[in-house]
C-alpha cells in the first residue's frame, strides 16, 4: 500500500480526494473511510449485550443502533420473521 499524491476516488465512499492510499490492485481509500474502518475493526473485537435477548455477543454478529442499542444477528432474523407474518 502506498500514499497517492494524485487525486483518486475512494472505493468505499465514492468521494474524490487528493489524499488517498492505494492498494496494489488500484483500489483507493480516503482518510475518513480509513478511520471508519479502524473503528469497525476495533468493534469486532468487543463483546456487546444484545438489547433484545440480553445475550453477550461478539462484535462481528451485532449491529449498533442509536443511543447504545445493540441487536444480535439472531434477534434481527427473529424480528424479520415476526414482522413478515403481519
PDB file of N, CA and C in Angstrom:
ATOM      1  N   UNK A   1       0.849  -1.161   0.000  1.00  0.00           N
ATOM      2  CA  UNK A   1       0.000   0.000   0.000  1.00  0.00           C
ATOM      3  C   UNK A   1       0.898   1.228   0.000  1.00  0.00           C
ATOM      4  N   UNK A   2       0.449   2.242  -0.716  1.00  0.00           N
ATOM      5  CA  UNK A   2       1.223   3.473  -0.758  1.00  0.00           C
ATOM      6  C   UNK A   2       0.286   4.669  -0.729  1.00  0.00           C
ATOM      7  N   UNK A   3       0.817   5.783  -0.233  1.00  0.00           N
ATOM      8  CA  UNK A   3       0.032   7.015  -0.266  1.00  0.00           C
ATOM      9  C   UNK A   3       0.128   7.586  -1.666  1.00  0.00           C
ATOM     10  N   UNK A   4      -1.008   7.952  -2.187  1.00  0.00           N
ATOM     11  CA  UNK A   4      -1.036   8.519  -3.524  1.00  0.00           C
ATOM     12  C   UNK A   4      -1.110  10.037  -3.409  1.00  0.00           C
ATOM     13  N   UNK A   5      -0.281  10.720  -4.154  1.00  0.00           N
ATOM     14  CA  UNK A   5      -0.352  12.177  -4.180  1.00  0.00           C
ATOM     15  C   UNK A   5      -1.289  12.646  -5.278  1.00  0.00           C
ATOM     16  N   UNK A   6      -1.710  11.717  -6.117  1.00  0.00           N
ATOM     17  CA  UNK A   6      -2.667  12.055  -7.171  1.00  0.00           C
ATOM     18  C   UNK A   6      -4.074  11.993  -6.593  1.00  0.00           C
ATOM     19  N   UNK A   7      -4.992  12.589  -7.289  1.00  0.00           N
ATOM     20  CA  UNK A   7      -6.382  12.523  -6.888  1.00  0.00           C
ATOM     21  C   UNK A   7      -6.930  11.152  -7.247  1.00  0.00           C
ATOM     22  N   UNK A   8      -7.686  10.572  -6.312  1.00  0.00           N
ATOM     23  CA  UNK A   8      -8.277   9.269  -6.558  1.00  0.00           C
ATOM     24  C   UNK A   8      -9.681   9.218  -5.990  1.00  0.00           C
ATOM     25  N   UNK A   9     -10.457   8.286  -6.461  1.00  0.00           N
ATOM     26  CA  UNK A   9     -11.819   8.087  -5.967  1.00  0.00           C
ATOM     27  C   UNK A   9     -11.805   6.949  -4.959  1.00  0.00           C
ATOM     28  N   UNK A  10     -12.264   7.251  -3.760  1.00  0.00           N
ATOM     29  CA  UNK A  10     -12.309   6.245  -2.700  1.00  0.00           C
ATOM     30  C   UNK A  10     -13.252   5.121  -3.117  1.00  0.00           C
ATOM     31  N   UNK A  11     -12.783   3.902  -3.006  1.00  0.00           N
ATOM     32  CA  UNK A  11     -13.587   2.743  -3.356  1.00  0.00           C
ATOM     33  C   UNK A  11     -14.668   2.436  -2.343  1.00  0.00           C
ATOM     34  N   UNK A  12     -14.631   3.076  -1.164  1.00  0.00           N
ATOM     35  CA  UNK A  12     -15.624   2.826  -0.131  1.00  0.00           C
ATOM     36  C   UNK A  12     -16.768   3.833  -0.181  1.00  0.00           C
ATOM     37  N   UNK A  13     -16.442   5.111  -0.248  1.00  0.00           N
ATOM     38  CA  UNK A  13     -17.486   6.142  -0.194  1.00  0.00           C
ATOM     39  C   UNK A  13     -17.739   6.813  -1.536  1.00  0.00           C
ATOM     40  N   UNK A  14     -16.830   6.641  -2.483  1.00  0.00           N
ATOM     41  CA  UNK A  14     -17.009   7.226  -3.800  1.00  0.00           C
ATOM     42  C   UNK A  14     -16.586   8.679  -3.910  1.00  0.00           C
ATOM     43  N   UNK A  15     -16.069   9.263  -2.819  1.00  0.00           N
ATOM     44  CA  UNK A  15     -15.631  10.658  -2.865  1.00  0.00           C
ATOM     45  C   UNK A  15     -14.268  10.759  -3.542  1.00  0.00           C
ATOM     46  N   UNK A  16     -14.089  11.845  -4.250  1.00  0.00           N
ATOM     47  CA  UNK A  16     -12.796  12.133  -4.857  1.00  0.00           C
ATOM     48  C   UNK A  16     -11.956  12.872  -3.826  1.00  0.00           C
ATOM     49  N   UNK A  17     -10.735  12.410  -3.643  1.00  0.00           N
ATOM     50  CA  UNK A  17      -9.855  13.012  -2.645  1.00  0.00           C
ATOM     51  C   UNK A  17      -8.457  13.141  -3.212  1.00  0.00           C
ATOM     52  N   UNK A  18      -7.746  14.152  -2.738  1.00  0.00           N
ATOM     53  CA  UNK A  18      -6.360  14.306  -3.180  1.00  0.00           C
ATOM     54  C   UNK A  18      -5.392  13.643  -2.206  1.00  0.00           C
ATOM     55  N   UNK A  19      -5.927  12.981  -1.177  1.00  0.00           N
ATOM     56  CA  UNK A  19      -5.077  12.257  -0.232  1.00  0.00           C
ATOM     57  C   UNK A  19      -5.707  10.897   0.042  1.00  0.00           C
ATOM     58  N   UNK A  20      -5.254   9.909  -0.677  1.00  0.00           N
ATOM     59  CA  UNK A  20      -5.766   8.556  -0.563  1.00  0.00           C
ATOM     60  C   UNK A  20      -4.602   7.580  -0.473  1.00  0.00           C
ATOM     61  N   UNK A  21      -4.896   6.389   0.041  1.00  0.00           N
ATOM     62  CA  UNK A  21      -3.914   5.305  -0.041  1.00  0.00           C
ATOM     63  C   UNK A  21      -4.373   4.392  -1.161  1.00  0.00           C
ATOM     64  N   UNK A  22      -3.395   3.815  -1.828  1.00  0.00           N
ATOM     65  CA  UNK A  22      -3.680   2.955  -2.966  1.00  0.00           C
ATOM     66  C   UNK A  22      -3.190   1.552  -2.683  1.00  0.00           C
ATOM     67  N   UNK A  23      -4.068   0.590  -2.926  1.00  0.00           N
ATOM     68  CA  UNK A  23      -3.690  -0.811  -2.807  1.00  0.00           C
ATOM     69  C   UNK A  23      -3.064  -1.297  -4.096  1.00  0.00           C
ATOM     70  N   UNK A  24      -2.437  -2.470  -4.064  1.00  0.00           N
ATOM     71  CA  UNK A  24      -1.758  -2.973  -5.258  1.00  0.00           C
ATOM     72  C   UNK A  24      -2.708  -3.251  -6.422  1.00  0.00           C
ATOM     73  N   UNK A  25      -3.995  -3.405  -6.133  1.00  0.00           N
ATOM     74  CA  UNK A  25      -4.951  -3.679  -7.208  1.00  0.00           C
ATOM     75  C   UNK A  25      -5.539  -2.400  -7.793  1.00  0.00           C
ATOM     76  N   UNK A  26      -5.047  -1.253  -7.331  1.00  0.00           N
ATOM     77  CA  UNK A  26      -5.551   0.017  -7.833  1.00  0.00           C
ATOM     78  C   UNK A  26      -6.748   0.542  -7.068  1.00  0.00           C
ATOM     79  N   UNK A  27      -7.076  -0.067  -5.938  1.00  0.00           N
ATOM     80  CA  UNK A  27      -8.179   0.410  -5.097  1.00  0.00           C
ATOM     81  C   UNK A  27      -7.678   1.555  -4.225  1.00  0.00           C
ATOM     82  N   UNK A  28      -8.549   2.520  -3.974  1.00  0.00           N
ATOM     83  CA  UNK A  28      -8.201   3.677  -3.152  1.00  0.00           C
ATOM     84  C   UNK A  28      -9.081   3.745  -1.915  1.00  0.00           C
ATOM     85  N   UNK A  29      -8.535   4.291  -0.825  1.00  0.00           N
ATOM     86  CA  UNK A  29      -9.290   4.544   0.402  1.00  0.00           C
ATOM     87  C   UNK A  29      -8.909   5.923   0.922  1.00  0.00           C
ATOM     88  N   UNK A  30      -9.930   6.720   1.264  1.00  0.00           N
ATOM     89  CA  UNK A  30      -9.681   8.071   1.775  1.00  0.00           C
ATOM     90  C   UNK A  30      -9.505   8.042   3.292  1.00  0.00           C
ATOM     91  N   UNK A  31      -9.107   9.165   3.846  1.00  0.00           N
ATOM     92  CA  UNK A  31      -8.847   9.316   5.272  1.00  0.00           C
ATOM     93  C   UNK A  31     -10.082   8.985   6.104  1.00  0.00           C
ATOM     94  N   UNK A  32     -11.241   9.538   5.756  1.00  0.00           N
ATOM     95  CA  UNK A  32     -12.467   9.296   6.527  1.00  0.00           C
ATOM     96  C   UNK A  32     -12.830   7.819   6.556  1.00  0.00           C
ATOM     97  N   UNK A  33     -12.707   7.158   5.433  1.00  0.00           N
ATOM     98  CA  UNK A  33     -13.045   5.736   5.378  1.00  0.00           C
ATOM     99  C   UNK A  33     -12.037   4.880   6.138  1.00  0.00           C
ATOM    100  N   UNK A  34     -10.777   5.280   6.125  1.00  0.00           N
ATOM    101  CA  UNK A  34      -9.779   4.558   6.918  1.00  0.00           C
ATOM    102  C   UNK A  34     -10.103   4.651   8.407  1.00  0.00           C
ATOM    103  N   UNK A  35     -10.518   5.826   8.864  1.00  0.00           N
ATOM    104  CA  UNK A  35     -10.882   5.985  10.272  1.00  0.00           C
ATOM    105  C   UNK A  35     -12.116   5.156  10.624  1.00  0.00           C
ATOM    106  N   UNK A  36     -13.126   5.168   9.738  1.00  0.00           N
ATOM    107  CA  UNK A  36     -14.329   4.357   9.971  1.00  0.00           C
ATOM    108  C   UNK A  36     -13.983   2.872  10.005  1.00  0.00           C
ATOM    109  N   UNK A  37     -13.143   2.434   9.103  1.00  0.00           N
ATOM    110  CA  UNK A  37     -12.747   1.024   9.060  1.00  0.00           C
ATOM    111  C   UNK A  37     -12.020   0.624  10.336  1.00  0.00           C
ATOM    112  N   UNK A  38     -11.171   1.505  10.833  1.00  0.00           N
ATOM    113  CA  UNK A  38     -10.465   1.214  12.087  1.00  0.00           C
ATOM    114  C   UNK A  38     -11.445   1.047  13.226  1.00  0.00           C
ATOM    115  N   UNK A  39     -12.462   1.916  13.298  1.00  0.00           N
ATOM    116  CA  UNK A  39     -13.477   1.816  14.351  1.00  0.00           C
ATOM    117  C   UNK A  39     -14.278   0.520  14.236  1.00  0.00           C
ATOM    118  N   UNK A  40     -14.652   0.171  13.009  1.00  0.00           N
ATOM    119  CA  UNK A  40     -15.415  -1.065  12.791  1.00  0.00           C
ATOM    120  C   UNK A  40     -14.592  -2.273  13.223  1.00  0.00           C
ATOM    121  N   UNK A  41     -13.333  -2.316  12.813  1.00  0.00           N
ATOM    122  CA  UNK A  41     -12.477  -3.450  13.168  1.00  0.00           C
ATOM    123  C   UNK A  41     -12.252  -3.534  14.677  1.00  0.00           C
ATOM    124  N   UNK A  42     -12.145  -2.397  15.343  1.00  0.00           N
ATOM    125  CA  UNK A  42     -11.989  -2.399  16.796  1.00  0.00           C
ATOM    126  C   UNK A  42     -13.237  -2.974  17.461  1.00  0.00           C
ATOM    127  N   UNK A  43     -14.413  -2.640  16.925  1.00  0.00           N
ATOM    128  CA  UNK A  43     -15.656  -3.149  17.497  1.00  0.00           C
ATOM    129  C   UNK A  43     -15.834  -4.646  17.273  1.00  0.00           C
ATOM    130  N   UNK A  44     -15.207  -5.187  16.253  1.00  0.00           N
ATOM    131  CA  UNK A  44     -15.305  -6.626  16.013  1.00  0.00           C
ATOM    132  C   UNK A  44     -14.679  -7.420  17.150  1.00  0.00           C
ATOM    133  N   UNK A  45     -13.741  -6.809  17.848  1.00  0.00           N
ATOM    134  CA  UNK A  45     -13.040  -7.478  18.939  1.00  0.00           C
ATOM    135  C   UNK A  45     -13.805  -7.400  20.256  1.00  0.00           C
ATOM    136  N   UNK A  46     -14.800  -6.528  20.340  1.00  0.00           N
ATOM    137  CA  UNK A  46     -15.539  -6.308  21.582  1.00  0.00           C
ATOM    138  C   UNK A  46     -16.697  -7.291  21.721  1.00  0.00           C
ATOM    139  N   UNK A  47     -17.199  -7.410  22.938  1.00  0.00           N
ATOM    140  CA  UNK A  47     -18.403  -8.171  23.214  1.00  0.00           C
ATOM    141  C   UNK A  47     -19.481  -7.192  23.652  1.00  0.00           C
ATOM    142  N   UNK A  48     -20.678  -7.339  23.104  1.00  0.00           N
ATOM    143  CA  UNK A  48     -21.801  -6.474  23.415  1.00  0.00           C
ATOM    144  C   UNK A  48     -22.944  -7.305  23.975  1.00  0.00           C
ATOM    145  N   UNK A  49     -23.827  -6.672  24.726  1.00  0.00           N
ATOM    146  CA  UNK A  49     -25.044  -7.322  25.195  1.00  0.00           C
ATOM    147  C   UNK A  49     -26.180  -6.903  24.275  1.00  0.00           C
ATOM    148  N   UNK A  50     -26.836  -7.889  23.684  1.00  0.00           N
ATOM    149  CA  UNK A  50     -27.965  -7.611  22.802  1.00  0.00           C
ATOM    150  C   UNK A  50     -29.087  -6.989  23.637  1.00  0.00           C
ATOM    151  N   UNK A  51     -29.624  -5.885  23.178  1.00  0.00           N
ATOM    152  CA  UNK A  51     -30.682  -5.179  23.901  1.00  0.00           C
ATOM    153  C   UNK A  51     -32.016  -5.916  23.840  1.00  0.00           C
ATOM    154  N   UNK A  52     -32.112  -6.968  23.033  1.00  0.00           N
ATOM    155  CA  UNK A  52     -33.378  -7.673  22.851  1.00  0.00           C
ATOM    156  C   UNK A  52     -33.410  -9.025  23.550  1.00  0.00           C
ATOM    157  N   UNK A  53     -32.303  -9.773  23.515  1.00  0.00           N
ATOM    158  CA  UNK A  53     -32.280 -11.081  24.179  1.00  0.00           C
ATOM    159  C   UNK A  53     -31.346 -11.109  25.391  1.00  0.00           C
ATOM    160  N   UNK A  54     -30.583 -10.031  25.563  1.00  0.00           N
ATOM    161  CA  UNK A  54     -29.639  -9.862  26.677  1.00  0.00           C
ATOM    162  C   UNK A  54     -28.490 -10.866  26.671  1.00  0.00           C
ATOM    163  N   UNK A  55     -28.250 -11.513  25.531  1.00  0.00           N
ATOM    164  CA  UNK A  55     -27.100 -12.405  25.378  1.00  0.00           C
ATOM    165  C   UNK A  55     -25.854 -11.568  25.085  1.00  0.00           C
ATOM    166  N   UNK A  56     -24.705 -12.038  25.531  1.00  0.00           N
ATOM    167  CA  UNK A  56     -23.438 -11.415  25.171  1.00  0.00           C
ATOM    168  C   UNK A  56     -23.018 -11.963  23.812  1.00  0.00           C
ATOM    169  N   UNK A  57     -22.743 -11.064  22.885  1.00  0.00           N
ATOM    170  CA  UNK A  57     -22.376 -11.467  21.527  1.00  0.00           C
ATOM    171  C   UNK A  57     -21.139 -10.708  21.080  1.00  0.00           C
ATOM    172  N   UNK A  58     -20.380 -11.342  20.186  1.00  0.00           N
ATOM    173  CA  UNK A  58     -19.175 -10.683  19.692  1.00  0.00           C
ATOM    174  C   UNK A  58     -19.561  -9.606  18.691  1.00  0.00           C
ATOM    175  N   UNK A  59     -18.675  -8.647  18.523  1.00  0.00           N
ATOM    176  CA  UNK A  59     -18.931  -7.507  17.663  1.00  0.00           C
ATOM    177  C   UNK A  59     -19.181  -7.835  16.213  1.00  0.00           C
ATOM    178  N   UNK A  60     -18.728  -8.999  15.746  1.00  0.00           N
ATOM    179  CA  UNK A  60     -18.947  -9.329  14.335  1.00  0.00           C
ATOM    180  C   UNK A  60     -20.335  -9.893  14.080  1.00  0.00           C
ATOM    181  N   UNK A  61     -21.157 -10.065  15.109  1.00  0.00           N
ATOM    182  CA  UNK A  61     -22.521 -10.570  14.900  1.00  0.00           C
ATOM    183  C   UNK A  61     -23.548  -9.684  15.596  1.00  0.00           C
ATOM    184  N   UNK A  62     -23.241  -8.385  15.674  1.00  0.00           N
ATOM    185  CA  UNK A  62     -24.159  -7.445  16.318  1.00  0.00           C
ATOM    186  C   UNK A  62     -24.152  -6.132  15.538  1.00  0.00           C
ATOM    187  N   UNK A  63     -25.316  -5.491  15.479  1.00  0.00           N
ATOM    188  CA  UNK A  63     -25.402  -4.162  14.879  1.00  0.00           C
ATOM    189  C   UNK A  63     -25.712  -3.175  15.995  1.00  0.00           C
ATOM    190  N   UNK A  64     -25.193  -1.968  15.833  1.00  0.00           N
ATOM    191  CA  UNK A  64     -25.395  -0.939  16.845  1.00  0.00           C
ATOM    192  C   UNK A  64     -26.331   0.129  16.304  1.00  0.00           C
ATOM    193  N   UNK A  65     -27.335   0.438  17.072  1.00  0.00           N
ATOM    194  CA  UNK A  65     -28.271   1.492  16.716  1.00  0.00           C
ATOM    195  C   UNK A  65     -27.995   2.735  17.538  1.00  0.00           C
ATOM    196  N   UNK A  66     -28.876   3.711  17.439  1.00  0.00           N
ATOM    197  CA  UNK A  66     -28.684   4.945  18.200  1.00  0.00           C
ATOM    198  C   UNK A  66     -28.845   4.695  19.703  1.00  0.00           C
ATOM    199  N   UNK A  67     -28.260   5.561  20.477  1.00  0.00           N
ATOM    200  CA  UNK A  67     -28.399   5.530  21.937  1.00  0.00           C
ATOM    201  C   UNK A  67     -27.903   4.241  22.580  1.00  0.00           C
ATOM    202  N   UNK A  68     -26.918   3.591  21.967  1.00  0.00           N
ATOM    203  CA  UNK A  68     -26.307   2.414  22.575  1.00  0.00           C
ATOM    204  C   UNK A  68     -27.117   1.133  22.479  1.00  0.00           C
ATOM    205  N   UNK A  69     -28.090   1.077  21.579  1.00  0.00           N
ATOM    206  CA  UNK A  69     -28.875  -0.139  21.387  1.00  0.00           C
ATOM    207  C   UNK A  69     -28.086  -1.098  20.510  1.00  0.00           C
ATOM    208  N   UNK A  70     -28.071  -2.373  20.887  1.00  0.00           N
ATOM    209  CA  UNK A  70     -27.387  -3.406  20.109  1.00  0.00           C
ATOM    210  C   UNK A  70     -28.363  -4.531  19.805  1.00  0.00           C
ATOM    211  N   UNK A  71     -28.249  -5.109  18.604  1.00  0.00           N
ATOM    212  CA  UNK A  71     -29.102  -6.234  18.223  1.00  0.00           C
ATOM    213  C   UNK A  71     -28.244  -7.303  17.569  1.00  0.00           C
ATOM    214  N   UNK A  72     -28.349  -8.523  18.104  1.00  0.00           N
ATOM    215  CA  UNK A  72     -27.559  -9.632  17.554  1.00  0.00           C
ATOM    216  C   UNK A  72     -28.222 -10.168  16.287  1.00  0.00           C
ATOM    217  N   UNK A  73     -27.463 -10.933  15.523  1.00  0.00           N
ATOM    218  CA  UNK A  73     -27.948 -11.479  14.252  1.00  0.00           C
ATOM    219  C   UNK A  73     -29.177 -12.348  14.453  1.00  0.00           C
ATOM    220  N   UNK A  74     -29.209 -13.099  15.523  1.00  0.00           N
ATOM    221  CA  UNK A  74     -30.356 -13.962  15.795  1.00  0.00           C
ATOM    222  C   UNK A  74     -31.627 -13.148  16.025  1.00  0.00           C
ATOM    223  N   UNK A  75     -31.526 -12.052  16.765  1.00  0.00           N
ATOM    224  CA  UNK A  75     -32.688 -11.206  17.012  1.00  0.00           C
ATOM    225  C   UNK A  75     -33.117 -10.451  15.753  1.00  0.00           C
ATOM    226  N   UNK A  76     -32.165 -10.092  14.902  1.00  0.00           N
ATOM    227  CA  UNK A  76     -32.512  -9.465  13.625  1.00  0.00           C
ATOM    228  C   UNK A  76     -33.387 -10.424  12.821  1.00  0.00           C
ATOM    229  N   UNK A  77     -32.950 -11.665  12.692  1.00  0.00           N
ATOM    230  CA  UNK A  77     -33.713 -12.666  11.936  1.00  0.00           C
ATOM    231  C   UNK A  77     -35.063 -12.932  12.585  1.00  0.00           C
ATOM    232  N   UNK A  78     -35.103 -13.041  13.916  1.00  0.00           N
ATOM    233  CA  UNK A  78     -36.377 -13.254  14.612  1.00  0.00           C
ATOM    234  C   UNK A  78     -37.336 -12.100  14.387  1.00  0.00           C
ATOM    235  N   UNK A  79     -36.823 -10.880  14.432  1.00  0.00           N
ATOM    236  CA  UNK A  79     -37.648  -9.710  14.199  1.00  0.00           C
ATOM    237  C   UNK A  79     -38.211  -9.675  12.794  1.00  0.00           C
ATOM    238  N   UNK A  80     -37.390 -10.048  11.813  1.00  0.00           N
ATOM    239  CA  UNK A  80     -37.857 -10.081  10.425  1.00  0.00           C
ATOM    240  C   UNK A  80     -38.966 -11.121  10.271  1.00  0.00           C
ATOM    241  N   UNK A  81     -38.797 -12.287  10.877  1.00  0.00           N
ATOM    242  CA  UNK A  81     -39.822 -13.324  10.796  1.00  0.00           C
ATOM    243  C   UNK A  81     -41.122 -12.864  11.438  1.00  0.00           C
ATOM    244  N   UNK A  82     -41.029 -12.240  12.613  1.00  0.00           N
ATOM    245  CA  UNK A  82     -42.231 -11.776  13.298  1.00  0.00           C
ATOM    246  C   UNK A  82     -42.974 -10.724  12.486  1.00  0.00           C
ATOM    247  N   UNK A  83     -42.255  -9.771  11.952  1.00  0.00           N
ATOM    248  CA  UNK A  83     -42.904  -8.686  11.209  1.00  0.00           C
ATOM    249  C   UNK A  83     -43.383  -9.134   9.832  1.00  0.00           C
ATOM    250  N   UNK A  84     -42.782 -10.148   9.265  1.00  0.00           N
ATOM    251  CA  UNK A  84     -43.214 -10.617   7.943  1.00  0.00           C
ATOM    252  C   UNK A  84     -44.530 -11.392   8.023  1.00  0.00           C
ATOM    253  N   UNK A  85     -44.908 -11.836   9.201  1.00  0.00           N
ATOM    254  CA  UNK A  85     -46.164 -12.567   9.392  1.00  0.00           C
ATOM    255  C   UNK A  85     -47.369 -11.625   9.429  1.00  0.00           C
ATOM    256  N   UNK A  86     -47.104 -10.369   9.747  1.00  0.00           N
ATOM    257  CA  UNK A  86     -48.239  -9.450   9.899  1.00  0.00           C
ATOM    258  C   UNK A  86     -48.575  -8.710   8.647  1.00  0.00           C
TER     259      UNK A  86
END
